[in-house]
Amino acid sequence: MKTFTALIKARVNGTERSIPTQVRAVNANDARWLLQAIYGFHAVLSVPSEVAEELLIDETASKTPEQLRLDSLKAAKERAASALKAERERIAKQKAINTLAQINRSN
C-alpha cells in the first residue's frame, strides 16, 4: 500500500477550507474512491498524489496518550457544538415555516 495526499473541502466553523488529507491505498484511483466514500463526492478537490515515504510524518508518535485523548475530546466537543447549532437552525426554520403556514390559513 502507498500513501496518497489530496485536498479535501471541509466546513470549519461555518467557513469552507481546503485541508490536505492522507489516505493509504493501492493506487491513486483507489485513493480517490476512498476519499469520496469518506468525505463525499464533491469534497475531493484535487487528484490524490503519492507521497514519498521519507516525507511521511507520524504526528501520533510525538504525542502522549493524554494529548491524544485531549485532542479526541476537543474534536468531539466541536462536533457536538456543530450538531447543536445545526439543530437549533433546523428548529428555527421549522418554526418560521409553521408561522407562515398559520398566517396563510388565516387569510
PDB file of N, CA and C in Angstrom:
ATOM      1  N   MET A   1       0.839  -1.184   0.000  1.00  0.00           N
ATOM      2  CA  MET A   1       0.000   0.000   0.000  1.00  0.00           C
ATOM      3  C   MET A   1       0.879   1.240   0.000  1.00  0.00           C
ATOM      4  N   LYS A   2       0.358   2.280  -0.635  1.00  0.00           N
ATOM      5  CA  LYS A   2       1.072   3.544  -0.728  1.00  0.00           C
ATOM      6  C   LYS A   2       0.242   4.622  -0.042  1.00  0.00           C
ATOM      7  N   THR A   3       0.896   5.702   0.299  1.00  0.00           N
ATOM      8  CA  THR A   3       0.209   6.832   0.921  1.00  0.00           C
ATOM      9  C   THR A   3      -0.006   7.909  -0.128  1.00  0.00           C
ATOM     10  N   PHE A   4      -1.241   8.408  -0.194  1.00  0.00           N
ATOM     11  CA  PHE A   4      -1.597   9.461  -1.135  1.00  0.00           C
ATOM     12  C   PHE A   4      -2.128  10.654  -0.351  1.00  0.00           C
ATOM     13  N   THR A   5      -1.919  11.846  -0.892  1.00  0.00           N
ATOM     14  CA  THR A   5      -2.444  13.055  -0.270  1.00  0.00           C
ATOM     15  C   THR A   5      -3.296  13.799  -1.291  1.00  0.00           C
ATOM     16  N   ALA A   6      -4.368  14.427  -0.802  1.00  0.00           N
ATOM     17  CA  ALA A   6      -5.268  15.190  -1.659  1.00  0.00           C
ATOM     18  C   ALA A   6      -5.903  16.304  -0.831  1.00  0.00           C
ATOM     19  N   LEU A   7      -6.394  17.315  -1.516  1.00  0.00           N
ATOM     20  CA  LEU A   7      -7.095  18.400  -0.832  1.00  0.00           C
ATOM     21  C   LEU A   7      -8.568  18.049  -0.705  1.00  0.00           C
ATOM     22  N   ILE A   8      -9.094  18.257   0.495  1.00  0.00           N
ATOM     23  CA  ILE A   8     -10.491  17.973   0.801  1.00  0.00           C
ATOM     24  C   ILE A   8     -11.160  19.273   1.223  1.00  0.00           C
ATOM     25  N   LYS A   9     -12.366  19.511   0.724  1.00  0.00           N
ATOM     26  CA  LYS A   9     -13.137  20.679   1.131  1.00  0.00           C
ATOM     27  C   LYS A   9     -13.887  20.329   2.413  1.00  0.00           C
ATOM     28  N   ALA A  10     -13.645  21.134   3.460  1.00  0.00           N
ATOM     29  CA  ALA A  10     -14.293  20.882   4.742  1.00  0.00           C
ATOM     30  C   ALA A  10     -14.886  22.176   5.266  1.00  0.00           C
ATOM     31  N   ARG A  11     -16.004  22.061   5.973  1.00  0.00           N
ATOM     32  CA  ARG A  11     -16.629  23.222   6.596  1.00  0.00           C
ATOM     33  C   ARG A  11     -16.163  23.261   8.043  1.00  0.00           C
ATOM     34  N   VAL A  12     -15.453  24.352   8.392  1.00  0.00           N
ATOM     35  CA  VAL A  12     -14.922  24.534   9.736  1.00  0.00           C
ATOM     36  C   VAL A  12     -15.453  25.856  10.273  1.00  0.00           C
ATOM     37  N   ASN A  13     -16.242  25.791  11.349  1.00  0.00           N
ATOM     38  CA  ASN A  13     -16.825  26.985  11.972  1.00  0.00           C
ATOM     39  C   ASN A  13     -17.559  27.855  10.961  1.00  0.00           C
ATOM     40  N   GLY A  14     -18.297  27.252  10.074  1.00  0.00           N
ATOM     41  CA  GLY A  14     -19.108  27.992   9.114  1.00  0.00           C
ATOM     42  C   GLY A  14     -18.366  28.451   7.874  1.00  0.00           C
ATOM     43  N   THR A  15     -17.077  28.210   7.770  1.00  0.00           N
ATOM     44  CA  THR A  15     -16.329  28.594   6.578  1.00  0.00           C
ATOM     45  C   THR A  15     -15.763  27.350   5.919  1.00  0.00           C
ATOM     46  N   GLU A  16     -15.657  27.400   4.601  1.00  0.00           N
ATOM     47  CA  GLU A  16     -15.115  26.267   3.868  1.00  0.00           C
ATOM     48  C   GLU A  16     -13.613  26.424   3.743  1.00  0.00           C
ATOM     49  N   ARG A  17     -12.904  25.333   3.973  1.00  0.00           N
ATOM     50  CA  ARG A  17     -11.445  25.330   3.893  1.00  0.00           C
ATOM     51  C   ARG A  17     -10.983  24.127   3.101  1.00  0.00           C
ATOM     52  N   SER A  18      -9.834  24.287   2.487  1.00  0.00           N
ATOM     53  CA  SER A  18      -9.181  23.166   1.811  1.00  0.00           C
ATOM     54  C   SER A  18      -8.168  22.569   2.768  1.00  0.00           C
ATOM     55  N   ILE A  19      -8.343  21.293   3.067  1.00  0.00           N
ATOM     56  CA  ILE A  19      -7.492  20.631   4.053  1.00  0.00           C
ATOM     57  C   ILE A  19      -6.757  19.473   3.380  1.00  0.00           C
ATOM     58  N   PRO A  20      -5.418  19.458   3.464  1.00  0.00           N
ATOM     59  CA  PRO A  20      -4.689  18.313   2.911  1.00  0.00           C
ATOM     60  C   PRO A  20      -4.944  17.069   3.766  1.00  0.00           C
ATOM     61  N   THR A  21      -5.257  15.972   3.106  1.00  0.00           N
ATOM     62  CA  THR A  21      -5.606  14.739   3.801  1.00  0.00           C
ATOM     63  C   THR A  21      -4.834  13.582   3.189  1.00  0.00           C
ATOM     64  N   GLN A  22      -4.399  12.651   4.035  1.00  0.00           N
ATOM     65  CA  GLN A  22      -3.673  11.482   3.546  1.00  0.00           C
ATOM     66  C   GLN A  22      -4.534  10.228   3.691  1.00  0.00           C
ATOM     67  N   VAL A  23      -4.364   9.337   2.735  1.00  0.00           N
ATOM     68  CA  VAL A  23      -5.074   8.064   2.766  1.00  0.00           C
ATOM     69  C   VAL A  23      -4.128   7.001   2.201  1.00  0.00           C
ATOM     70  N   ARG A  24      -4.254   5.789   2.691  1.00  0.00           N
ATOM     71  CA  ARG A  24      -3.424   4.694   2.185  1.00  0.00           C
ATOM     72  C   ARG A  24      -4.259   3.836   1.244  1.00  0.00           C
ATOM     73  N   ALA A  25      -3.712   3.592   0.046  1.00  0.00           N
ATOM     74  CA  ALA A  25      -4.410   2.808  -0.968  1.00  0.00           C
ATOM     75  C   ALA A  25      -3.389   2.169  -1.900  1.00  0.00           C
ATOM     76  N   VAL A  26      -3.871   1.279  -2.757  1.00  0.00           N
ATOM     77  CA  VAL A  26      -3.000   0.581  -3.704  1.00  0.00           C
ATOM     78  C   VAL A  26      -2.572   1.522  -4.828  1.00  0.00           C
ATOM     79  N   ASN A  27      -3.512   2.331  -5.329  1.00  0.00           N
ATOM     80  CA  ASN A  27      -3.191   3.263  -6.408  1.00  0.00           C
ATOM     81  C   ASN A  27      -4.002   4.548  -6.235  1.00  0.00           C
ATOM     82  N   ALA A  28      -3.744   5.539  -7.100  1.00  0.00           N
ATOM     83  CA  ALA A  28      -4.380   6.852  -6.983  1.00  0.00           C
ATOM     84  C   ALA A  28      -5.891   6.765  -7.195  1.00  0.00           C
ATOM     85  N   ASN A  29      -6.321   5.889  -8.090  1.00  0.00           N
ATOM     86  CA  ASN A  29      -7.750   5.748  -8.344  1.00  0.00           C
ATOM     87  C   ASN A  29      -8.472   5.218  -7.101  1.00  0.00           C
ATOM     88  N   ASP A  30      -7.899   4.210  -6.455  1.00  0.00           N
ATOM     89  CA  ASP A  30      -8.487   3.685  -5.221  1.00  0.00           C
ATOM     90  C   ASP A  30      -8.472   4.740  -4.117  1.00  0.00           C
ATOM     91  N   ALA A  31      -7.410   5.525  -4.067  1.00  0.00           N
ATOM     92  CA  ALA A  31      -7.327   6.598  -3.065  1.00  0.00           C
ATOM     93  C   ALA A  31      -8.461   7.597  -3.270  1.00  0.00           C
ATOM     94  N   ARG A  32      -8.730   7.955  -4.520  1.00  0.00           N
ATOM     95  CA  ARG A  32      -9.823   8.895  -4.819  1.00  0.00           C
ATOM     96  C   ARG A  32     -11.176   8.309  -4.398  1.00  0.00           C
ATOM     97  N   TRP A  33     -11.389   7.026  -4.698  1.00  0.00           N
ATOM     98  CA  TRP A  33     -12.646   6.380  -4.310  1.00  0.00           C
ATOM     99  C   TRP A  33     -12.812   6.367  -2.791  1.00  0.00           C
ATOM    100  N   LEU A  34     -11.717   6.078  -2.088  1.00  0.00           N
ATOM    101  CA  LEU A  34     -11.780   6.072  -0.625  1.00  0.00           C
ATOM    102  C   LEU A  34     -12.117   7.462  -0.086  1.00  0.00           C
ATOM    103  N   LEU A  35     -11.452   8.479  -0.612  1.00  0.00           N
ATOM    104  CA  LEU A  35     -11.710   9.853  -0.154  1.00  0.00           C
ATOM    105  C   LEU A  35     -13.146  10.267  -0.449  1.00  0.00           C
ATOM    106  N   GLN A  36     -13.651   9.899  -1.612  1.00  0.00           N
ATOM    107  CA  GLN A  36     -15.041  10.227  -1.944  1.00  0.00           C
ATOM    108  C   GLN A  36     -16.016   9.493  -1.039  1.00  0.00           C
ATOM    109  N   ALA A  37     -15.700   8.262  -0.673  1.00  0.00           N
ATOM    110  CA  ALA A  37     -16.568   7.499   0.225  1.00  0.00           C
ATOM    111  C   ALA A  37     -16.577   8.095   1.625  1.00  0.00           C
ATOM    112  N   ILE A  38     -15.432   8.597   2.068  1.00  0.00           N
ATOM    113  CA  ILE A  38     -15.329   9.141   3.426  1.00  0.00           C
ATOM    114  C   ILE A  38     -15.896  10.546   3.516  1.00  0.00           C
ATOM    115  N   TYR A  39     -15.498  11.416   2.573  1.00  0.00           N
ATOM    116  CA  TYR A  39     -15.809  12.843   2.685  1.00  0.00           C
ATOM    117  C   TYR A  39     -16.929  13.314   1.754  1.00  0.00           C
ATOM    118  N   GLY A  40     -17.342  12.482   0.813  1.00  0.00           N
ATOM    119  CA  GLY A  40     -18.393  12.877  -0.121  1.00  0.00           C
ATOM    120  C   GLY A  40     -17.814  13.140  -1.496  1.00  0.00           C
ATOM    121  N   PHE A  41     -18.655  12.981  -2.501  1.00  0.00           N
ATOM    122  CA  PHE A  41     -18.217  13.071  -3.893  1.00  0.00           C
ATOM    123  C   PHE A  41     -17.642  14.443  -4.231  1.00  0.00           C
ATOM    124  N   HIS A  42     -18.301  15.507  -3.797  1.00  0.00           N
ATOM    125  CA  HIS A  42     -17.878  16.861  -4.163  1.00  0.00           C
ATOM    126  C   HIS A  42     -16.833  17.440  -3.216  1.00  0.00           C
ATOM    127  N   ALA A  43     -16.424  16.704  -2.204  1.00  0.00           N
ATOM    128  CA  ALA A  43     -15.466  17.224  -1.234  1.00  0.00           C
ATOM    129  C   ALA A  43     -14.018  17.060  -1.690  1.00  0.00           C
ATOM    130  N   VAL A  44     -13.756  16.166  -2.628  1.00  0.00           N
ATOM    131  CA  VAL A  44     -12.391  15.929  -3.092  1.00  0.00           C
ATOM    132  C   VAL A  44     -12.046  16.996  -4.128  1.00  0.00           C
ATOM    133  N   LEU A  45     -11.084  17.863  -3.786  1.00  0.00           N
ATOM    134  CA  LEU A  45     -10.747  18.997  -4.643  1.00  0.00           C
ATOM    135  C   LEU A  45      -9.577  18.734  -5.579  1.00  0.00           C
ATOM    136  N   SER A  46      -8.713  17.772  -5.264  1.00  0.00           N
ATOM    137  CA  SER A  46      -7.547  17.525  -6.110  1.00  0.00           C
ATOM    138  C   SER A  46      -7.367  16.029  -6.331  1.00  0.00           C
ATOM    139  N   VAL A  47      -6.610  15.718  -7.343  1.00  0.00           N
ATOM    140  CA  VAL A  47      -6.284  14.320  -7.628  1.00  0.00           C
ATOM    141  C   VAL A  47      -5.285  13.844  -6.575  1.00  0.00           C
ATOM    142  N   PRO A  48      -5.514  12.684  -5.970  1.00  0.00           N
ATOM    143  CA  PRO A  48      -4.559  12.190  -4.980  1.00  0.00           C
ATOM    144  C   PRO A  48      -3.182  11.972  -5.601  1.00  0.00           C
ATOM    145  N   SER A  49      -2.155  12.434  -4.905  1.00  0.00           N
ATOM    146  CA  SER A  49      -0.783  12.245  -5.388  1.00  0.00           C
ATOM    147  C   SER A  49      -0.007  11.428  -4.361  1.00  0.00           C
ATOM    148  N   GLU A  50       0.874  10.584  -4.874  1.00  0.00           N
ATOM    149  CA  GLU A  50       1.635   9.696  -3.993  1.00  0.00           C
ATOM    150  C   GLU A  50       2.660  10.496  -3.194  1.00  0.00           C
ATOM    151  N   VAL A  51       2.778  10.153  -1.918  1.00  0.00           N
ATOM    152  CA  VAL A  51       3.724  10.815  -1.025  1.00  0.00           C
ATOM    153  C   VAL A  51       4.953   9.933  -0.893  1.00  0.00           C
ATOM    154  N   ALA A  52       6.125  10.536  -1.026  1.00  0.00           N
ATOM    155  CA  ALA A  52       7.367   9.779  -0.849  1.00  0.00           C
ATOM    156  C   ALA A  52       7.458   9.330   0.603  1.00  0.00           C
ATOM    157  N   GLU A  53       7.930   8.130   0.835  1.00  0.00           N
ATOM    158  CA  GLU A  53       7.964   7.555   2.178  1.00  0.00           C
ATOM    159  C   GLU A  53       8.773   8.383   3.162  1.00  0.00           C
ATOM    160  N   GLU A  54       9.854   9.029   2.717  1.00  0.00           N
ATOM    161  CA  GLU A  54      10.661   9.816   3.640  1.00  0.00           C
ATOM    162  C   GLU A  54       9.972  11.097   4.065  1.00  0.00           C
ATOM    163  N   LEU A  55       8.928  11.508   3.330  1.00  0.00           N
ATOM    164  CA  LEU A  55       8.200  12.724   3.681  1.00  0.00           C
ATOM    165  C   LEU A  55       7.078  12.479   4.680  1.00  0.00           C
ATOM    166  N   LEU A  56       6.772  11.223   4.937  1.00  0.00           N
ATOM    167  CA  LEU A  56       5.700  10.910   5.867  1.00  0.00           C
ATOM    168  C   LEU A  56       6.098  11.297   7.281  1.00  0.00           C
ATOM    169  N   ILE A  57       5.191  11.965   7.962  1.00  0.00           N
ATOM    170  CA  ILE A  57       5.433  12.381   9.342  1.00  0.00           C
ATOM    171  C   ILE A  57       4.387  11.718  10.211  1.00  0.00           C
ATOM    172  N   ASP A  58       4.842  11.002  11.221  1.00  0.00           N
ATOM    173  CA  ASP A  58       3.929  10.352  12.136  1.00  0.00           C
ATOM    174  C   ASP A  58       3.692  11.272  13.320  1.00  0.00           C
ATOM    175  N   GLU A  59       2.594  12.051  13.241  1.00  0.00           N
ATOM    176  CA  GLU A  59       2.296  13.014  14.294  1.00  0.00           C
ATOM    177  C   GLU A  59       1.892  12.332  15.593  1.00  0.00           C
ATOM    178  N   THR A  60       1.305  11.165  15.512  1.00  0.00           N
ATOM    179  CA  THR A  60       0.851  10.493  16.718  1.00  0.00           C
ATOM    180  C   THR A  60       2.014   9.999  17.564  1.00  0.00           C
ATOM    181  N   ALA A  61       3.158   9.750  16.944  1.00  0.00           N
ATOM    182  CA  ALA A  61       4.296   9.256  17.700  1.00  0.00           C
ATOM    183  C   ALA A  61       4.852  10.318  18.645  1.00  0.00           C
ATOM    184  N   SER A  62       4.676  11.586  18.313  1.00  0.00           N
ATOM    185  CA  SER A  62       5.233  12.640  19.148  1.00  0.00           C
ATOM    186  C   SER A  62       4.263  13.079  20.251  1.00  0.00           C
ATOM    187  N   LYS A  63       3.056  12.562  20.256  1.00  0.00           N
ATOM    188  CA  LYS A  63       2.071  12.941  21.270  1.00  0.00           C
ATOM    189  C   LYS A  63       1.914  11.832  22.309  1.00  0.00           C
ATOM    190  N   THR A  64       1.681  12.241  23.525  1.00  0.00           N
ATOM    191  CA  THR A  64       1.451  11.279  24.601  1.00  0.00           C
ATOM    192  C   THR A  64       0.002  10.803  24.529  1.00  0.00           C
ATOM    193  N   PRO A  65      -0.319   9.699  25.177  1.00  0.00           N
ATOM    194  CA  PRO A  65      -1.711   9.232  25.197  1.00  0.00           C
ATOM    195  C   PRO A  65      -2.669  10.279  25.768  1.00  0.00           C
ATOM    196  N   GLU A  66      -2.197  11.033  26.744  1.00  0.00           N
ATOM    197  CA  GLU A  66      -3.042  12.074  27.334  1.00  0.00           C
ATOM    198  C   GLU A  66      -3.346  13.170  26.310  1.00  0.00           C
ATOM    199  N   GLN A  67      -2.333  13.554  25.518  1.00  0.00           N
ATOM    200  CA  GLN A  67      -2.540  14.573  24.489  1.00  0.00           C
ATOM    201  C   GLN A  67      -3.487  14.071  23.401  1.00  0.00           C
ATOM    202  N   LEU A  68      -3.343  12.812  23.025  1.00  0.00           N
ATOM    203  CA  LEU A  68      -4.238  12.232  22.031  1.00  0.00           C
ATOM    204  C   LEU A  68      -5.673  12.203  22.543  1.00  0.00           C
ATOM    205  N   ARG A  69      -5.843  11.863  23.814  1.00  0.00           N
ATOM    206  CA  ARG A  69      -7.192  11.847  24.402  1.00  0.00           C
ATOM    207  C   ARG A  69      -7.780  13.253  24.421  1.00  0.00           C
ATOM    208  N   LEU A  70      -6.971  14.243  24.796  1.00  0.00           N
ATOM    209  CA  LEU A  70      -7.459  15.629  24.788  1.00  0.00           C
ATOM    210  C   LEU A  70      -7.859  16.068  23.380  1.00  0.00           C
ATOM    211  N   ASP A  71      -7.045  15.709  22.387  1.00  0.00           N
ATOM    212  CA  ASP A  71      -7.381  16.041  21.005  1.00  0.00           C
ATOM    213  C   ASP A  71      -8.698  15.400  20.597  1.00  0.00           C
ATOM    214  N   SER A  72      -8.875  14.148  20.991  1.00  0.00           N
ATOM    215  CA  SER A  72     -10.103  13.435  20.667  1.00  0.00           C
ATOM    216  C   SER A  72     -11.313  14.089  21.339  1.00  0.00           C
ATOM    217  N   LEU A  73     -11.168  14.466  22.595  1.00  0.00           N
ATOM    218  CA  LEU A  73     -12.265  15.115  23.308  1.00  0.00           C
ATOM    219  C   LEU A  73     -12.587  16.483  22.721  1.00  0.00           C
ATOM    220  N   LYS A  74     -11.558  17.229  22.311  1.00  0.00           N
ATOM    221  CA  LYS A  74     -11.792  18.535  21.677  1.00  0.00           C
ATOM    222  C   LYS A  74     -12.548  18.368  20.369  1.00  0.00           C
ATOM    223  N   ALA A  75     -12.168  17.371  19.587  1.00  0.00           N
ATOM    224  CA  ALA A  75     -12.844  17.123  18.316  1.00  0.00           C
ATOM    225  C   ALA A  75     -14.302  16.729  18.561  1.00  0.00           C
ATOM    226  N   ALA A  76     -14.541  15.906  19.570  1.00  0.00           N
ATOM    227  CA  ALA A  76     -15.919  15.507  19.901  1.00  0.00           C
ATOM    228  C   ALA A  76     -16.734  16.720  20.347  1.00  0.00           C
ATOM    229  N   LYS A  77     -16.109  17.600  21.106  1.00  0.00           N
ATOM    230  CA  LYS A  77     -16.788  18.824  21.560  1.00  0.00           C
ATOM    231  C   LYS A  77     -17.178  19.693  20.364  1.00  0.00           C
ATOM    232  N   GLU A  78     -16.263  19.850  19.401  1.00  0.00           N
ATOM    233  CA  GLU A  78     -16.549  20.648  18.216  1.00  0.00           C
ATOM    234  C   GLU A  78     -17.665  20.029  17.380  1.00  0.00           C
ATOM    235  N   ARG A  79     -17.660  18.689  17.263  1.00  0.00           N
ATOM    236  CA  ARG A  79     -18.734  18.024  16.515  1.00  0.00           C
ATOM    237  C   ARG A  79     -20.074  18.212  17.209  1.00  0.00           C
ATOM    238  N   ALA A  80     -20.088  18.120  18.541  1.00  0.00           N
ATOM    239  CA  ALA A  80     -21.333  18.303  19.289  1.00  0.00           C
ATOM    240  C   ALA A  80     -21.831  19.737  19.166  1.00  0.00           C
ATOM    241  N   ALA A  81     -20.936  20.704  19.239  1.00  0.00           N
ATOM    242  CA  ALA A  81     -21.328  22.110  19.098  1.00  0.00           C
ATOM    243  C   ALA A  81     -21.893  22.369  17.712  1.00  0.00           C
ATOM    244  N   SER A  82     -21.287  21.783  16.711  1.00  0.00           N
ATOM    245  CA  SER A  82     -21.767  21.933  15.339  1.00  0.00           C
ATOM    246  C   SER A  82     -23.151  21.298  15.174  1.00  0.00           C
ATOM    247  N   ALA A  83     -23.335  20.122  15.749  1.00  0.00           N
ATOM    248  CA  ALA A  83     -24.636  19.446  15.666  1.00  0.00           C
ATOM    249  C   ALA A  83     -25.709  20.245  16.410  1.00  0.00           C
ATOM    250  N   LEU A  84     -25.363  20.815  17.560  1.00  0.00           N
ATOM    251  CA  LEU A  84     -26.302  21.630  18.321  1.00  0.00           C
ATOM    252  C   LEU A  84     -26.716  22.864  17.529  1.00  0.00           C
ATOM    253  N   LYS A  85     -25.757  23.519  16.902  1.00  0.00           N
ATOM    254  CA  LYS A  85     -26.055  24.705  16.096  1.00  0.00           C
ATOM    255  C   LYS A  85     -26.969  24.342  14.923  1.00  0.00           C
ATOM    256  N   ALA A  86     -26.668  23.247  14.248  1.00  0.00           N
ATOM    257  CA  ALA A  86     -27.485  22.809  13.117  1.00  0.00           C
ATOM    258  C   ALA A  86     -28.904  22.483  13.573  1.00  0.00           C
ATOM    259  N   GLU A  87     -29.048  21.844  14.719  1.00  0.00           N
ATOM    260  CA  GLU A  87     -30.376  21.504  15.230  1.00  0.00           C
ATOM    261  C   GLU A  87     -31.161  22.759  15.596  1.00  0.00           C
ATOM    262  N   ARG A  88     -30.506  23.732  16.223  1.00  0.00           N
ATOM    263  CA  ARG A  88     -31.188  24.992  16.558  1.00  0.00           C
ATOM    264  C   ARG A  88     -31.648  25.715  15.300  1.00  0.00           C
ATOM    265  N   GLU A  89     -30.803  25.721  14.256  1.00  0.00           N
ATOM    266  CA  GLU A  89     -31.185  26.344  12.988  1.00  0.00           C
ATOM    267  C   GLU A  89     -32.365  25.615  12.358  1.00  0.00           C
ATOM    268  N   ARG A  90     -32.365  24.273  12.443  1.00  0.00           N
ATOM    269  CA  ARG A  90     -33.466  23.494  11.873  1.00  0.00           C
ATOM    270  C   ARG A  90     -34.766  23.794  12.597  1.00  0.00           C
ATOM    271  N   ILE A  91     -34.709  23.894  13.932  1.00  0.00           N
ATOM    272  CA  ILE A  91     -35.906  24.188  14.724  1.00  0.00           C
ATOM    273  C   ILE A  91     -36.425  25.589  14.406  1.00  0.00           C
ATOM    274  N   ALA A  92     -35.520  26.566  14.289  1.00  0.00           N
ATOM    275  CA  ALA A  92     -35.930  27.936  13.974  1.00  0.00           C
ATOM    276  C   ALA A  92     -36.571  27.995  12.591  1.00  0.00           C
ATOM    277  N   LYS A  93     -35.998  27.265  11.645  1.00  0.00           N
ATOM    278  CA  LYS A  93     -36.554  27.231  10.291  1.00  0.00           C
ATOM    279  C   LYS A  93     -37.937  26.588  10.297  1.00  0.00           C
ATOM    280  N   GLN A  94     -38.081  25.490  11.017  1.00  0.00           N
ATOM    281  CA  GLN A  94     -39.384  24.817  11.090  1.00  0.00           C
ATOM    282  C   GLN A  94     -40.423  25.713  11.748  1.00  0.00           C
ATOM    283  N   LYS A  95     -40.028  26.442  12.782  1.00  0.00           N
ATOM    284  CA  LYS A  95     -40.930  27.356  13.473  1.00  0.00           C
ATOM    285  C   LYS A  95     -41.385  28.469  12.529  1.00  0.00           C
ATOM    286  N   ALA A  96     -40.463  28.993  11.714  1.00  0.00           N
ATOM    287  CA  ALA A  96     -40.811  30.028  10.747  1.00  0.00           C
ATOM    288  C   ALA A  96     -41.772  29.498   9.697  1.00  0.00           C
ATOM    289  N   ILE A  97     -41.552  28.278   9.244  1.00  0.00           N
ATOM    290  CA  ILE A  97     -42.450  27.663   8.255  1.00  0.00           C
ATOM    291  C   ILE A  97     -43.847  27.488   8.845  1.00  0.00           C
ATOM    292  N   ASN A  98     -43.920  27.032  10.094  1.00  0.00           N
ATOM    293  CA  ASN A  98     -45.213  26.858  10.753  1.00  0.00           C
ATOM    294  C   ASN A  98     -45.929  28.193  10.922  1.00  0.00           C
ATOM    295  N   THR A  99     -45.198  29.238  11.271  1.00  0.00           N
ATOM    296  CA  THR A  99     -45.795  30.570  11.425  1.00  0.00           C
ATOM    297  C   THR A  99     -46.355  31.054  10.095  1.00  0.00           C
ATOM    298  N   LEU A 100     -45.591  30.882   9.021  1.00  0.00           N
ATOM    299  CA  LEU A 100     -46.076  31.281   7.692  1.00  0.00           C
ATOM    300  C   LEU A 100     -47.312  30.471   7.285  1.00  0.00           C
ATOM    301  N   ALA A 101     -47.324  29.199   7.610  1.00  0.00           N
ATOM    302  CA  ALA A 101     -48.479  28.365   7.287  1.00  0.00           C
ATOM    303  C   ALA A 101     -49.710  28.823   8.040  1.00  0.00           C
ATOM    304  N   GLN A 102     -49.567  29.215   9.308  1.00  0.00           N
ATOM    305  CA  GLN A 102     -50.698  29.717  10.094  1.00  0.00           C
ATOM    306  C   GLN A 102     -51.212  31.044   9.526  1.00  0.00           C
ATOM    307  N   ILE A 103     -50.313  31.916   9.094  1.00  0.00           N
ATOM    308  CA  ILE A 103     -50.725  33.183   8.506  1.00  0.00           C
ATOM    309  C   ILE A 103     -51.498  32.942   7.213  1.00  0.00           C
ATOM    310  N   ASN A 104     -51.030  32.017   6.401  1.00  0.00           N
ATOM    311  CA  ASN A 104     -51.694  31.708   5.140  1.00  0.00           C
ATOM    312  C   ASN A 104     -53.079  31.085   5.385  1.00  0.00           C
ATOM    313  N   ARG A 105     -53.219  30.286   6.444  1.00  0.00           N
ATOM    314  CA  ARG A 105     -54.525  29.684   6.757  1.00  0.00           C
ATOM    315  C   ARG A 105     -55.517  30.730   7.224  1.00  0.00           C
ATOM    316  N   SER A 106     -55.049  31.734   7.954  1.00  0.00           N
ATOM    317  CA  SER A 106     -55.964  32.742   8.486  1.00  0.00           C
ATOM    318  C   SER A 106     -56.433  33.718   7.396  1.00  0.00           C
ATOM    319  N   ASN A 107     -55.697  33.808   6.304  1.00  0.00           N
ATOM    320  CA  ASN A 107     -56.093  34.711   5.206  1.00  0.00           C
ATOM    321  C   ASN A 107     -56.998  34.009   4.295  1.00  0.00           C
TER     322      ASN A 107
END
